[in-house]
Amino acid sequence: MSMFGDGLDAAVQRAFTRPAPKSAPAQMRYLVKQYKGTKAVAQMLRISQRTVERYVKDQIKKPRPDLAARLEREVNKRWQPQIRAKAKAKAAATDGIVIDTRARLGYTAPIGSTDQDRIRHLTVALPPAYAARLFEAQEAGAGDARLQEIAAEALKEVYFQDGGRRAGSLEEVRFTDIEHLEFDL
């Protein structure tokens, strides 16, 4: 499970104007339409082409839990691509992104300062530049570790250094033991 990737996807999905198909047959019909055939859908979902055809005709209505999860993930990945792109572009250009997290945060600073890691609950609006970096890294296939680094850099600048007004000698922010993470556009 990708905590940061899933969180960014969930934030973008809240911008959708219509709900994605919920029933398995409707989801299957949507995928068949997207892939222009049952064979490609069957290969992608790792099931037989005949099974796909039976879902499309409403002969099967309830998939196994593992297939249901794959089906929902694939539909959500492809649902309303233009709305998804607009939401990402708006966050990257003007609005930024809000991160709400409960995690262990600490930092590396000069000797004599209190840099003890502690659990903090933060809700911080990140500037558009960091939203753009997060979405670009996600689209480039970056893992959770890289997305976590970008979020830590953003928290360093926005929360700890307050845009350069304080803690100028702060070197690094540690962002670990994440209990809760949510993004909002």
Foldseek 3Di string as FASTA:
>chain_A
DFQLLVQVLVQLVVQDPDDFDDWQLSLLVVVCVVVVHQVVVCVQLVHDSVVSVCSVVVVDTDDDPVSSVSSVVVRSVPPPPVSSVVVLVCCLPPFPKKKWWWFWKFFDFDPPDDGDTDTDTDIFGFHSNLSNVLVVCVVVPHGNVVSVQSVQVRCCCCPVCVNVVDPPRIDGMDTDPIPDIHMHD
